[in-house]
PDB file of N, CA and C in Angstrom:
ATOM      1  N   MET A   1      22.497  20.355 -18.750  1.00  0.00           N
ATOM      2  CA  MET A   1      21.656  18.664 -18.976  1.00  0.00           C
ATOM      3  C   MET A   1      20.635  18.797 -20.383  1.00  0.00           C
ATOM      4  N   GLU A   2      20.583  17.774 -21.316  1.00  0.00           N
ATOM      5  CA  GLU A   2      19.377  18.267 -22.008  1.00  0.00           C
ATOM      6  C   GLU A   2      18.280  17.615 -21.421  1.00  0.00           C
ATOM      7  N   ASP A   3      17.739  17.750 -21.965  1.00  0.00           N
ATOM      8  CA  ASP A   3      16.205  17.314 -21.918  1.00  0.00           C
ATOM      9  C   ASP A   3      15.325  15.952 -21.808  1.00  0.00           C
ATOM     10  N   GLU A   4      16.106  15.041 -22.875  1.00  0.00           N
ATOM     11  CA  GLU A   4      16.054  13.592 -22.871  1.00  0.00           C
ATOM     12  C   GLU A   4      16.982  12.923 -22.138  1.00  0.00           C
ATOM     13  N   GLU A   5      18.115  13.188 -21.373  1.00  0.00           N
ATOM     14  CA  GLU A   5      19.581  12.977 -20.685  1.00  0.00           C
ATOM     15  C   GLU A   5      18.068  13.182 -19.242  1.00  0.00           C
ATOM     16  N   LEU A   6      17.482  14.930 -18.816  1.00  0.00           N
ATOM     17  CA  LEU A   6      16.944  15.032 -17.275  1.00  0.00           C
ATOM     18  C   LEU A   6      15.607  13.553 -17.764  1.00  0.00           C
ATOM     19  N   PHE A   7      15.130  13.522 -19.023  1.00  0.00           N
ATOM     20  CA  PHE A   7      13.754  12.438 -18.794  1.00  0.00           C
ATOM     21  C   PHE A   7      14.459  11.314 -18.378  1.00  0.00           C
ATOM     22  N   ILE A   8      15.140  10.692 -18.710  1.00  0.00           N
ATOM     23  CA  ILE A   8      15.800   9.577 -18.606  1.00  0.00           C
ATOM     24  C   ILE A   8      16.034   9.317 -17.128  1.00  0.00           C
ATOM     25  N   ALA A   9      16.676  10.893 -16.534  1.00  0.00           N
ATOM     26  CA  ALA A   9      17.160  10.005 -15.253  1.00  0.00           C
ATOM     27  C   ALA A   9      15.283  10.748 -14.209  1.00  0.00           C
ATOM     28  N   LYS A  10      14.878  10.757 -14.616  1.00  0.00           N
ATOM     29  CA  LYS A  10      14.329  11.080 -13.694  1.00  0.00           C
ATOM     30  C   LYS A  10      13.291   9.860 -13.760  1.00  0.00           C
ATOM     31  N   LEU A  11      12.889   9.141 -15.412  1.00  0.00           N
ATOM     32  CA  LEU A  11      11.970   8.356 -14.797  1.00  0.00           C
ATOM     33  C   LEU A  11      13.214   6.758 -14.230  1.00  0.00           C
ATOM     34  N   MET A  12      14.172   6.686 -14.004  1.00  0.00           N
ATOM     35  CA  MET A  12      15.156   5.821 -13.652  1.00  0.00           C
ATOM     36  C   MET A  12      15.084   5.862 -11.417  1.00  0.00           C
ATOM     37  N   GLU A  13      14.963   7.542 -11.395  1.00  0.00           N
ATOM     38  CA  GLU A  13      14.454   7.660 -10.059  1.00  0.00           C
ATOM     39  C   GLU A  13      13.192   7.164  -9.759  1.00  0.00           C
ATOM     40  N   LEU A  14      12.466   7.166 -10.395  1.00  0.00           N
ATOM     41  CA  LEU A  14      10.772   7.018 -10.387  1.00  0.00           C
ATOM     42  C   LEU A  14      10.430   5.616 -10.178  1.00  0.00           C
ATOM     43  N   GLU A  15      11.195   5.153 -10.958  1.00  0.00           N
ATOM     44  CA  GLU A  15      11.478   3.485 -10.749  1.00  0.00           C
ATOM     45  C   GLU A  15      12.087   2.857  -9.350  1.00  0.00           C
ATOM     46  N   ARG A  16      12.926   3.176  -8.699  1.00  0.00           N
ATOM     47  CA  ARG A  16      13.693   3.452  -7.729  1.00  0.00           C
ATOM     48  C   ARG A  16      12.287   3.453  -6.759  1.00  0.00           C
ATOM     49  N   TYR A  17      11.765   4.425  -6.797  1.00  0.00           N
ATOM     50  CA  TYR A  17      11.186   5.361  -5.865  1.00  0.00           C
ATOM     51  C   TYR A  17       9.362   3.995  -5.463  1.00  0.00           C
ATOM     52  N   LEU A  18       9.016   3.666  -6.820  1.00  0.00           N
ATOM     53  CA  LEU A  18       8.323   2.972  -6.815  1.00  0.00           C
ATOM     54  C   LEU A  18       8.915   1.481  -6.273  1.00  0.00           C
ATOM     55  N   ALA A  19       9.954   1.792  -6.329  1.00  0.00           N
ATOM     56  CA  ALA A  19      10.472  -0.627  -6.183  1.00  0.00           C
ATOM     57  C   ALA A  19      10.683  -0.178  -4.587  1.00  0.00           C
ATOM     58  N   ALA A  20      10.933   1.072  -3.989  1.00  0.00           N
ATOM     59  CA  ALA A  20      10.398   1.310  -2.584  1.00  0.00           C
ATOM     60  C   ALA A  20       9.259   0.941  -2.269  1.00  0.00           C
ATOM     61  N   GLY A  21       7.977   2.103  -2.458  1.00  0.00           N
ATOM     62  CA  GLY A  21       6.893   1.441  -2.215  1.00  0.00           C
ATOM     63  C   GLY A  21       6.908   2.186  -0.036  1.00  0.00           C
ATOM     64  N   ASP A  22       7.758   2.436   0.292  1.00  0.00           N
ATOM     65  CA  ASP A  22       7.501   3.183   1.816  1.00  0.00           C
ATOM     66  C   ASP A  22       6.220   4.641   1.506  1.00  0.00           C
ATOM     67  N   ASP A  23       5.903   5.418   2.206  1.00  0.00           N
ATOM     68  CA  ASP A  23       4.892   6.439   1.678  1.00  0.00           C
ATOM     69  C   ASP A  23       5.988   7.766   1.277  1.00  0.00           C
ATOM     70  N   TYR A  24       7.079   8.173   2.170  1.00  0.00           N
ATOM     71  CA  TYR A  24       7.931   8.651   1.126  1.00  0.00           C
ATOM     72  C   TYR A  24       7.936   9.167  -0.165  1.00  0.00           C
ATOM     73  N   SER A  25       8.846   7.628  -0.373  1.00  0.00           N
ATOM     74  CA  SER A  25       9.257   6.994  -1.378  1.00  0.00           C
ATOM     75  C   SER A  25       7.892   7.527  -2.750  1.00  0.00           C
ATOM     76  N   MET A  26       6.632   7.029  -2.562  1.00  0.00           N
ATOM     77  CA  MET A  26       5.388   7.157  -2.804  1.00  0.00           C
ATOM     78  C   MET A  26       5.136   8.744  -3.401  1.00  0.00           C
ATOM     79  N   LEU A  27       5.908   9.702  -2.113  1.00  0.00           N
ATOM     80  CA  LEU A  27       5.149  11.240  -2.179  1.00  0.00           C
ATOM     81  C   LEU A  27       6.342  11.452  -3.095  1.00  0.00           C
ATOM     82  N   ARG A  28       7.014  11.319  -3.319  1.00  0.00           N
ATOM     83  CA  ARG A  28       8.669  11.998  -4.464  1.00  0.00           C
ATOM     84  C   ARG A  28       8.678  10.852  -5.588  1.00  0.00           C
ATOM     85  N   ALA A  29       8.226  10.469  -5.856  1.00  0.00           N
ATOM     86  CA  ALA A  29       6.873   9.646  -7.433  1.00  0.00           C
ATOM     87  C   ALA A  29       6.617  10.601  -7.812  1.00  0.00           C
ATOM     88  N   ALA A  30       5.365  10.658  -6.491  1.00  0.00           N
ATOM     89  CA  ALA A  30       4.125  11.688  -7.475  1.00  0.00           C
ATOM     90  C   ALA A  30       3.788  13.170  -7.719  1.00  0.00           C
ATOM     91  N   ALA A  31       4.938  13.735  -7.109  1.00  0.00           N
ATOM     92  CA  ALA A  31       6.316  14.844  -7.290  1.00  0.00           C
ATOM     93  C   ALA A  31       7.394  14.453  -8.504  1.00  0.00           C
ATOM     94  N   LEU A  32       7.449  13.372  -8.941  1.00  0.00           N
ATOM     95  CA  LEU A  32       8.460  13.336 -10.545  1.00  0.00           C
ATOM     96  C   LEU A  32       7.061  13.360 -11.553  1.00  0.00           C
ATOM     97  N   LEU A  33       5.992  12.316 -11.132  1.00  0.00           N
ATOM     98  CA  LEU A  33       4.943  12.434 -11.807  1.00  0.00           C
ATOM     99  C   LEU A  33       4.027  13.615 -11.979  1.00  0.00           C
ATOM    100  N   ARG A  34       4.564  15.017 -11.484  1.00  0.00           N
ATOM    101  CA  ARG A  34       3.383  15.987 -11.958  1.00  0.00           C
ATOM    102  C   ARG A  34       4.618  17.024 -12.654  1.00  0.00           C
ATOM    103  N   GLN A  35       5.712  16.597 -12.359  1.00  0.00           N
ATOM    104  CA  GLN A  35       7.082  17.205 -12.977  1.00  0.00           C
ATOM    105  C   GLN A  35       6.860  16.752 -15.202  1.00  0.00           C
ATOM    106  N   LEU A  36       6.679  15.421 -14.659  1.00  0.00           N
ATOM    107  CA  LEU A  36       6.856  15.015 -16.464  1.00  0.00           C
ATOM    108  C   LEU A  36       5.345  15.009 -16.609  1.00  0.00           C
ATOM    109  N   LEU A  37       4.609  14.633 -15.842  1.00  0.00           N
ATOM    110  CA  LEU A  37       3.145  15.032 -17.028  1.00  0.00           C
ATOM    111  C   LEU A  37       2.766  16.143 -16.709  1.00  0.00           C
ATOM    112  N   LEU A  38       2.797  17.143 -15.511  1.00  0.00           N
ATOM    113  CA  LEU A  38       2.298  18.279 -15.715  1.00  0.00           C
ATOM    114  C   LEU A  38       2.244  19.530 -14.863  1.00  0.00           C
ATOM    115  N   ASP A  39       3.669  19.996 -15.139  1.00  0.00           N
ATOM    116  CA  ASP A  39       4.283  21.400 -15.419  1.00  0.00           C
ATOM    117  C   ASP A  39       3.740  22.266 -16.062  1.00  0.00           C
ATOM    118  N   SER A  40       4.624  23.287 -15.953  1.00  0.00           N
ATOM    119  CA  SER A  40       3.611  24.193 -17.165  1.00  0.00           C
ATOM    120  C   SER A  40       3.967  23.849 -18.673  1.00  0.00           C
ATOM    121  N   ALA A  41       5.422  23.493 -18.750  1.00  0.00           N
ATOM    122  CA  ALA A  41       6.147  22.988 -20.018  1.00  0.00           C
ATOM    123  C   ALA A  41       6.077  21.139 -19.710  1.00  0.00           C
ATOM    124  N   PRO A  42       5.390  20.465 -19.350  1.00  0.00           N
ATOM    125  CA  PRO A  42       5.793  18.945 -18.855  1.00  0.00           C
ATOM    126  C   PRO A  42       7.143  18.920 -19.891  1.00  0.00           C
ATOM    127  N   LEU A  43       7.974  17.556 -19.163  1.00  0.00           N
ATOM    128  CA  LEU A  43       9.737  17.367 -19.617  1.00  0.00           C
ATOM    129  C   LEU A  43       8.531  16.131 -20.179  1.00  0.00           C
ATOM    130  N   SER A  44       7.577  15.244 -20.511  1.00  0.00           N
ATOM    131  CA  SER A  44       6.857  14.373 -21.043  1.00  0.00           C
ATOM    132  C   SER A  44       6.898  14.872 -22.614  1.00  0.00           C
ATOM    133  N   HIS A  45       6.569  15.994 -22.107  1.00  0.00           N
ATOM    134  CA  HIS A  45       5.955  17.165 -24.340  1.00  0.00           C
ATOM    135  C   HIS A  45       6.993  17.152 -24.665  1.00  0.00           C
ATOM    136  N   ARG A  46       8.178  17.843 -23.446  1.00  0.00           N
ATOM    137  CA  ARG A  46       9.015  18.391 -24.116  1.00  0.00           C
ATOM    138  C   ARG A  46      10.036  17.656 -25.071  1.00  0.00           C
ATOM    139  N   VAL A  47      10.673  16.422 -24.888  1.00  0.00           N
ATOM    140  CA  VAL A  47      10.972  15.269 -24.957  1.00  0.00           C
ATOM    141  C   VAL A  47      10.424  14.995 -26.416  1.00  0.00           C
ATOM    142  N   ASN A  48       8.797  14.806 -26.426  1.00  0.00           N
ATOM    143  CA  ASN A  48       8.176  14.054 -27.195  1.00  0.00           C
ATOM    144  C   ASN A  48       7.932  15.034 -29.007  1.00  0.00           C
ATOM    145  N   ARG A  49       8.267  16.344 -28.218  1.00  0.00           N
ATOM    146  CA  ARG A  49       8.258  17.327 -29.342  1.00  0.00           C
ATOM    147  C   ARG A  49       8.195  16.911 -30.981  1.00  0.00           C
ATOM    148  N   ASN A  50       9.688  16.661 -31.040  1.00  0.00           N
ATOM    149  CA  ASN A  50      10.030  15.756 -32.240  1.00  0.00           C
ATOM    150  C   ASN A  50       9.670  14.165 -33.267  1.00  0.00           C
ATOM    151  N   ALA A  51       8.863  13.680 -31.845  1.00  0.00           N
ATOM    152  CA  ALA A  51       8.640  11.941 -31.876  1.00  0.00           C
ATOM    153  C   ALA A  51       7.094  12.153 -32.341  1.00  0.00           C
ATOM    154  N   LYS A  52       6.716  12.965 -31.286  1.00  0.00           N
ATOM    155  CA  LYS A  52       5.359  12.921 -31.921  1.00  0.00           C
ATOM    156  C   LYS A  52       4.720  11.462 -31.040  1.00  0.00           C
ATOM    157  N   LEU A  53       5.183  10.648 -30.409  1.00  0.00           N
ATOM    158  CA  LEU A  53       4.459   9.802 -30.056  1.00  0.00           C
ATOM    159  C   LEU A  53       3.446  10.040 -29.508  1.00  0.00           C
ATOM    160  N   LYS A  54       2.456   9.214 -29.221  1.00  0.00           N
ATOM    161  CA  LYS A  54       0.642   9.020 -28.518  1.00  0.00           C
ATOM    162  C   LYS A  54       1.164   8.474 -27.459  1.00  0.00           C
ATOM    163  N   LEU A  55       1.049   9.376 -26.182  1.00  0.00           N
ATOM    164  CA  LEU A  55       1.210   9.083 -25.199  1.00  0.00           C
ATOM    165  C   LEU A  55       0.307   8.507 -24.248  1.00  0.00           C
ATOM    166  N   ARG A  56       0.264   7.055 -23.999  1.00  0.00           N
ATOM    167  CA  ARG A  56      -0.909   6.247 -23.583  1.00  0.00           C
ATOM    168  C   ARG A  56      -0.578   5.800 -22.229  1.00  0.00           C
ATOM    169  N   PHE A  57      -1.559   5.299 -21.221  1.00  0.00           N
ATOM    170  CA  PHE A  57      -1.246   4.871 -19.608  1.00  0.00           C
ATOM    171  C   PHE A  57      -2.227   3.424 -19.572  1.00  0.00           C
ATOM    172  N   THR A  58      -2.047   2.850 -19.121  1.00  0.00           N
ATOM    173  CA  THR A  58      -2.906   1.644 -18.278  1.00  0.00           C
ATOM    174  C   THR A  58      -3.487   1.918 -17.120  1.00  0.00           C
ATOM    175  N   ILE A  59      -4.940   1.910 -17.290  1.00  0.00           N
ATOM    176  CA  ILE A  59      -5.976   1.794 -15.775  1.00  0.00           C
ATOM    177  C   ILE A  59      -6.075   0.703 -15.885  1.00  0.00           C
ATOM    178  N   CYS A  60      -6.701   0.916 -14.767  1.00  0.00           N
ATOM    179  CA  CYS A  60      -8.352  -0.287 -14.280  1.00  0.00           C
ATOM    180  C   CYS A  60      -9.163  -0.036 -13.657  1.00  0.00           C
ATOM    181  N   GLY A  61     -10.574  -0.960 -14.221  1.00  0.00           N
ATOM    182  CA  GLY A  61     -11.716  -0.891 -13.375  1.00  0.00           C
ATOM    183  C   GLY A  61     -12.372   0.601 -13.456  1.00  0.00           C
ATOM    184  N   ARG A  62     -12.050   1.447 -14.713  1.00  0.00           N
ATOM    185  CA  ARG A  62     -12.999   2.410 -14.963  1.00  0.00           C
ATOM    186  C   ARG A  62     -14.458   2.199 -15.760  1.00  0.00           C
ATOM    187  N   ARG A  63     -14.625   0.957 -15.977  1.00  0.00           N
ATOM    188  CA  ARG A  63     -16.037   0.731 -16.655  1.00  0.00           C
ATOM    189  C   ARG A  63     -16.636   0.387 -14.875  1.00  0.00           C
ATOM    190  N   TYR A  64     -16.263  -0.505 -14.061  1.00  0.00           N
ATOM    191  CA  TYR A  64     -16.640  -0.953 -12.527  1.00  0.00           C
ATOM    192  C   TYR A  64     -16.874   0.621 -12.260  1.00  0.00           C
ATOM    193  N   ARG A  65     -15.707   1.629 -11.890  1.00  0.00           N
ATOM    194  CA  ARG A  65     -16.392   3.211 -11.471  1.00  0.00           C
ATOM    195  C   ARG A  65     -17.373   3.694 -11.647  1.00  0.00           C
ATOM    196  N   GLU A  66     -17.640   3.539 -13.177  1.00  0.00           N
ATOM    197  CA  GLU A  66     -18.839   4.142 -14.043  1.00  0.00           C
ATOM    198  C   GLU A  66     -20.338   3.307 -13.713  1.00  0.00           C
ATOM    199  N   VAL A  67     -20.098   2.067 -13.143  1.00  0.00           N
ATOM    200  CA  VAL A  67     -21.258   2.090 -12.715  1.00  0.00           C
ATOM    201  C   VAL A  67     -21.466   2.024 -11.531  1.00  0.00           C
ATOM    202  N   VAL A  68     -20.407   2.020 -10.391  1.00  0.00           N
ATOM    203  CA  VAL A  68     -20.927   2.423  -8.705  1.00  0.00           C
ATOM    204  C   VAL A  68     -21.087   3.736  -8.854  1.00  0.00           C
ATOM    205  N   LEU A  69     -20.430   4.715  -9.759  1.00  0.00           N
ATOM    206  CA  LEU A  69     -20.814   6.238  -9.583  1.00  0.00           C
ATOM    207  C   LEU A  69     -22.072   6.472 -10.196  1.00  0.00           C
ATOM    208  N   VAL A  70     -22.362   6.023 -10.652  1.00  0.00           N
ATOM    209  CA  VAL A  70     -23.803   6.464 -11.281  1.00  0.00           C
ATOM    210  C   VAL A  70     -25.198   6.024 -10.237  1.00  0.00           C
ATOM    211  N   ASP A  71     -25.286   5.362  -9.459  1.00  0.00           N
ATOM    212  CA  ASP A  71     -25.411   5.581  -8.179  1.00  0.00           C
ATOM    213  C   ASP A  71     -25.866   6.458  -7.465  1.00  0.00           C
ATOM    214  N   GLY A  72     -24.541   7.268  -7.486  1.00  0.00           N
ATOM    215  CA  GLY A  72     -24.687   8.260  -6.540  1.00  0.00           C
ATOM    216  C   GLY A  72     -24.459   7.862  -4.940  1.00  0.00           C
ATOM    217  N   PRO A  73     -22.649   6.952  -4.775  1.00  0.00           N
ATOM    218  CA  PRO A  73     -22.397   7.033  -3.968  1.00  0.00           C
ATOM    219  C   PRO A  73     -21.820   8.177  -2.725  1.00  0.00           C
ATOM    220  N   VAL A  74     -22.300   7.777  -1.460  1.00  0.00           N
ATOM    221  CA  VAL A  74     -21.849   8.426  -0.878  1.00  0.00           C
ATOM    222  C   VAL A  74     -19.629   8.591  -0.433  1.00  0.00           C
ATOM    223  N   PHE A  75     -19.559   7.939  -0.905  1.00  0.00           N
ATOM    224  CA  PHE A  75     -18.259   6.770  -0.734  1.00  0.00           C
ATOM    225  C   PHE A  75     -18.270   6.180  -1.241  1.00  0.00           C
ATOM    226  N   TYR A  76     -16.734   6.240  -2.489  1.00  0.00           N
ATOM    227  CA  TYR A  76     -16.332   5.822  -3.684  1.00  0.00           C
ATOM    228  C   TYR A  76     -14.884   5.797  -3.144  1.00  0.00           C
ATOM    229  N   SER A  77     -14.071   4.661  -3.115  1.00  0.00           N
ATOM    230  CA  SER A  77     -12.687   4.572  -3.009  1.00  0.00           C
ATOM    231  C   SER A  77     -11.823   3.330  -4.105  1.00  0.00           C
ATOM    232  N   ALA A  78     -10.804   4.030  -4.986  1.00  0.00           N
ATOM    233  CA  ALA A  78     -10.705   2.914  -6.241  1.00  0.00           C
ATOM    234  C   ALA A  78      -9.548   1.650  -5.345  1.00  0.00           C
ATOM    235  N   LEU A  79      -8.881   2.447  -4.140  1.00  0.00           N
ATOM    236  CA  LEU A  79      -8.195   1.377  -3.689  1.00  0.00           C
ATOM    237  C   LEU A  79      -7.157   0.679  -3.828  1.00  0.00           C
ATOM    238  N   GLY A  80      -6.520   1.743  -5.078  1.00  0.00           N
ATOM    239  CA  GLY A  80      -5.348   0.788  -5.626  1.00  0.00           C
ATOM    240  C   GLY A  80      -6.222  -0.316  -6.551  1.00  0.00           C
ATOM    241  N   GLY A  81      -7.410   0.140  -7.108  1.00  0.00           N
ATOM    242  CA  GLY A  81      -7.770  -0.867  -8.260  1.00  0.00           C
ATOM    243  C   GLY A  81      -8.092  -0.116  -9.478  1.00  0.00           C
ATOM    244  N   ILE A  82      -6.483   0.755  -9.940  1.00  0.00           N
ATOM    245  CA  ILE A  82      -6.316   1.688 -10.714  1.00  0.00           C
ATOM    246  C   ILE A  82      -5.630   0.863 -11.706  1.00  0.00           C
ATOM    247  N   HIS A  83      -4.621   0.108 -10.919  1.00  0.00           N
ATOM    248  CA  HIS A  83      -3.353  -0.605 -11.371  1.00  0.00           C
ATOM    249  C   HIS A  83      -3.667  -2.137 -11.490  1.00  0.00           C
ATOM    250  N   LYS A  84      -2.560  -2.601 -12.508  1.00  0.00           N
ATOM    251  CA  LYS A  84      -3.589  -3.952 -13.139  1.00  0.00           C
ATOM    252  C   LYS A  84      -2.370  -5.019 -12.330  1.00  0.00           C
ATOM    253  N   SER A  85      -1.958  -4.507 -10.840  1.00  0.00           N
ATOM    254  CA  SER A  85      -1.691  -5.630 -10.597  1.00  0.00           C
ATOM    255  C   SER A  85      -2.307  -5.351  -9.126  1.00  0.00           C
ATOM    256  N   ARG A  86      -3.265  -4.792  -9.629  1.00  0.00           N
ATOM    257  CA  ARG A  86      -4.694  -4.929  -8.060  1.00  0.00           C
ATOM    258  C   ARG A  86      -6.063  -5.548  -8.819  1.00  0.00           C
ATOM    259  N   PRO A  87      -7.174  -5.727  -8.105  1.00  0.00           N
ATOM    260  CA  PRO A  87      -7.830  -6.630  -8.374  1.00  0.00           C
ATOM    261  C   PRO A  87      -8.961  -6.580  -9.184  1.00  0.00           C
ATOM    262  N   MET A  88      -8.377  -5.167 -10.385  1.00  0.00           N
ATOM    263  CA  MET A  88      -8.960  -5.646 -11.682  1.00  0.00           C
ATOM    264  C   MET A  88      -8.693  -5.730 -12.789  1.00  0.00           C
ATOM    265  N   PRO A  89      -7.839  -6.741 -12.725  1.00  0.00           N
ATOM    266  CA  PRO A  89      -6.500  -6.848 -14.304  1.00  0.00           C
ATOM    267  C   PRO A  89      -7.521  -7.097 -15.160  1.00  0.00           C
ATOM    268  N   HIS A  90      -8.179  -7.478 -15.328  1.00  0.00           N
ATOM    269  CA  HIS A  90      -9.242  -7.613 -16.582  1.00  0.00           C
ATOM    270  C   HIS A  90      -9.905  -6.312 -16.839  1.00  0.00           C
ATOM    271  N   GLN A  91      -9.850  -5.616 -16.634  1.00  0.00           N
ATOM    272  CA  GLN A  91     -10.744  -4.033 -17.003  1.00  0.00           C
ATOM    273  C   GLN A  91      -9.478  -3.666 -17.249  1.00  0.00           C
ATOM    274  N   ALA A  92      -7.870  -3.760 -18.256  1.00  0.00           N
ATOM    275  CA  ALA A  92      -6.823  -2.804 -18.283  1.00  0.00           C
ATOM    276  C   ALA A  92      -7.695  -2.126 -19.090  1.00  0.00           C
ATOM    277  N   GLU A  93      -7.518  -0.950 -19.296  1.00  0.00           N
ATOM    278  CA  GLU A  93      -7.727  -0.582 -21.342  1.00  0.00           C
ATOM    279  C   GLU A  93      -6.344   0.697 -20.636  1.00  0.00           C
ATOM    280  N   ASP A  94      -6.162   0.823 -22.070  1.00  0.00           N
ATOM    281  CA  ASP A  94      -5.157   1.923 -22.297  1.00  0.00           C
ATOM    282  C   ASP A  94      -5.992   3.471 -22.609  1.00  0.00           C
ATOM    283  N   VAL A  95      -5.675   4.319 -21.868  1.00  0.00           N
ATOM    284  CA  VAL A  95      -5.854   5.935 -21.746  1.00  0.00           C
ATOM    285  C   VAL A  95      -5.023   6.937 -22.377  1.00  0.00           C
ATOM    286  N   ALA A  96      -5.505   8.442 -23.170  1.00  0.00           N
ATOM    287  CA  ALA A  96      -5.024   9.018 -22.924  1.00  0.00           C
ATOM    288  C   ALA A  96      -4.435  10.019 -21.909  1.00  0.00           C
ATOM    289  N   LEU A  97      -3.557  11.462 -21.402  1.00  0.00           N
ATOM    290  CA  LEU A  97      -3.223  11.489 -20.465  1.00  0.00           C
ATOM    291  C   LEU A  97      -4.716  12.410 -19.680  1.00  0.00           C
ATOM    292  N   ASP A  98      -5.468  13.060 -20.540  1.00  0.00           N
ATOM    293  CA  ASP A  98      -6.562  13.820 -19.891  1.00  0.00           C
ATOM    294  C   ASP A  98      -7.386  12.767 -19.895  1.00  0.00           C
ATOM    295  N   GLN A  99      -7.617  11.567 -20.161  1.00  0.00           N
ATOM    296  CA  GLN A  99      -8.546  10.691 -19.337  1.00  0.00           C
ATOM    297  C   GLN A  99      -7.951   9.750 -18.211  1.00  0.00           C
ATOM    298  N   LEU A 100      -6.318  10.240 -17.311  1.00  0.00           N
ATOM    299  CA  LEU A 100      -5.398   9.446 -16.518  1.00  0.00           C
ATOM    300  C   LEU A 100      -6.115  10.097 -15.958  1.00  0.00           C
ATOM    301  N   LEU A 101      -6.285  12.010 -16.050  1.00  0.00           N
ATOM    302  CA  LEU A 101      -5.677  12.562 -15.338  1.00  0.00           C
ATOM    303  C   LEU A 101      -7.427  12.804 -14.497  1.00  0.00           C
ATOM    304  N   THR A 102      -8.434  12.461 -15.379  1.00  0.00           N
ATOM    305  CA  THR A 102     -10.103  12.745 -14.986  1.00  0.00           C
ATOM    306  C   THR A 102     -10.908  11.389 -14.361  1.00  0.00           C
ATOM    307  N   THR A 103      -9.431  10.794 -13.763  1.00  0.00           N
ATOM    308  CA  THR A 103      -9.821   9.710 -13.399  1.00  0.00           C
ATOM    309  C   THR A 103     -10.365   9.495 -11.874  1.00  0.00           C
ATOM    310  N   PRO A 104     -11.606   9.152 -11.659  1.00  0.00           N
ATOM    311  CA  PRO A 104     -12.097   9.689  -9.809  1.00  0.00           C
ATOM    312  C   PRO A 104     -11.051   8.355  -9.454  1.00  0.00           C
ATOM    313  N   VAL A 105     -10.680   8.644  -8.020  1.00  0.00           N
ATOM    314  CA  VAL A 105      -9.897   7.510  -7.189  1.00  0.00           C
ATOM    315  C   VAL A 105     -11.193   7.398  -5.803  1.00  0.00           C
ATOM    316  N   LEU A 106     -10.806   8.219  -6.244  1.00  0.00           N
ATOM    317  CA  LEU A 106     -11.722   8.813  -4.599  1.00  0.00           C
ATOM    318  C   LEU A 106     -13.338   9.623  -4.255  1.00  0.00           C
ATOM    319  N   LYS A 107     -14.353   9.332  -3.246  1.00  0.00           N
ATOM    320  CA  LYS A 107     -15.247  10.253  -3.768  1.00  0.00           C
ATOM    321  C   LYS A 107     -16.161  10.710  -2.157  1.00  0.00           C
ATOM    322  N   LEU A 108     -15.634  11.483  -1.858  1.00  0.00           N
ATOM    323  CA  LEU A 108     -16.757  11.772  -0.346  1.00  0.00           C
ATOM    324  C   LEU A 108     -17.809  12.044   0.056  1.00  0.00           C
ATOM    325  N   GLY A 109     -18.733  12.220  -0.103  1.00  0.00           N
ATOM    326  CA  GLY A 109     -20.219  13.057   0.273  1.00  0.00           C
ATOM    327  C   GLY A 109     -20.652  13.416  -1.080  1.00  0.00           C
ATOM    328  N   SER A 110     -21.372  14.928  -1.196  1.00  0.00           N
ATOM    329  CA  SER A 110     -22.219  14.160  -2.607  1.00  0.00           C
ATOM    330  C   SER A 110     -21.209  15.430  -3.439  1.00  0.00           C
ATOM    331  N   SER A 111     -19.821  16.068  -3.225  1.00  0.00           N
ATOM    332  CA  SER A 111     -20.041  17.380  -3.636  1.00  0.00           C
ATOM    333  C   SER A 111     -17.987  16.953  -3.971  1.00  0.00           C
ATOM    334  N   CYS A 112     -17.843  16.446  -3.016  1.00  0.00           N
ATOM    335  CA  CYS A 112     -15.804  16.595  -3.308  1.00  0.00           C
ATOM    336  C   CYS A 112     -15.668  15.046  -3.527  1.00  0.00           C
ATOM    337  N   SER A 113     -15.080  14.815  -4.956  1.00  0.00           N
ATOM    338  CA  SER A 113     -14.361  13.575  -5.430  1.00  0.00           C
ATOM    339  C   SER A 113     -12.707  14.475  -6.240  1.00  0.00           C
ATOM    340  N   VAL A 114     -11.333  13.209  -5.642  1.00  0.00           N
ATOM    341  CA  VAL A 114     -10.284  13.222  -5.893  1.00  0.00           C
ATOM    342  C   VAL A 114     -10.153  12.764  -7.332  1.00  0.00           C
ATOM    343  N   PHE A 115      -9.197  13.293  -7.888  1.00  0.00           N
ATOM    344  CA  PHE A 115      -9.053  12.337  -9.337  1.00  0.00           C
ATOM    345  C   PHE A 115      -7.017  11.726  -9.353  1.00  0.00           C
ATOM    346  N   VAL A 116      -7.055  11.433 -10.098  1.00  0.00           N
ATOM    347  CA  VAL A 116      -5.111  10.273  -9.960  1.00  0.00           C
ATOM    348  C   VAL A 116      -4.457  11.960  -9.620  1.00  0.00           C
ATOM    349  N   THR A 117      -4.845  12.955 -10.176  1.00  0.00           N
ATOM    350  CA  THR A 117      -3.699  14.051 -10.198  1.00  0.00           C
ATOM    351  C   THR A 117      -3.110  14.220  -8.640  1.00  0.00           C
TER     352      THR A 117
END
C-alpha cells in the first residue's frame, strides 16, 4: 500500500472513531494521531514531502490559557476548550504542529503539566 492510500485510510478511520465518541474510540483516535503526526517518520510528513503544504491546526482558547497560567494556578484544565465546538469558538486560531503539540491542556500542582500530545 502506498503512503497516500494509507494516509487516506487512516483519516477515514480517524473520522469514524471521532464520530463514535466513546472512550475506546477516543483512545484509538489518539493512537492514529500519533501515527500521523508523531512517529519517527510521521505519515503526514511522508505524504507531504512533494507538495510541501503548510500544515495548520485549529485550536481555541490559547489567549485565555496564557492569561490564566500567568497567575500560576495549582490546577488548570482546558476541559474540551481546545476545540471550536466548545466554550471558546471565538478564540479559534490556526497554529503550526509544534504550537499544537506544546498547547497545555492540564496543569496539576506546580510542576506537572500535560500537553496535547
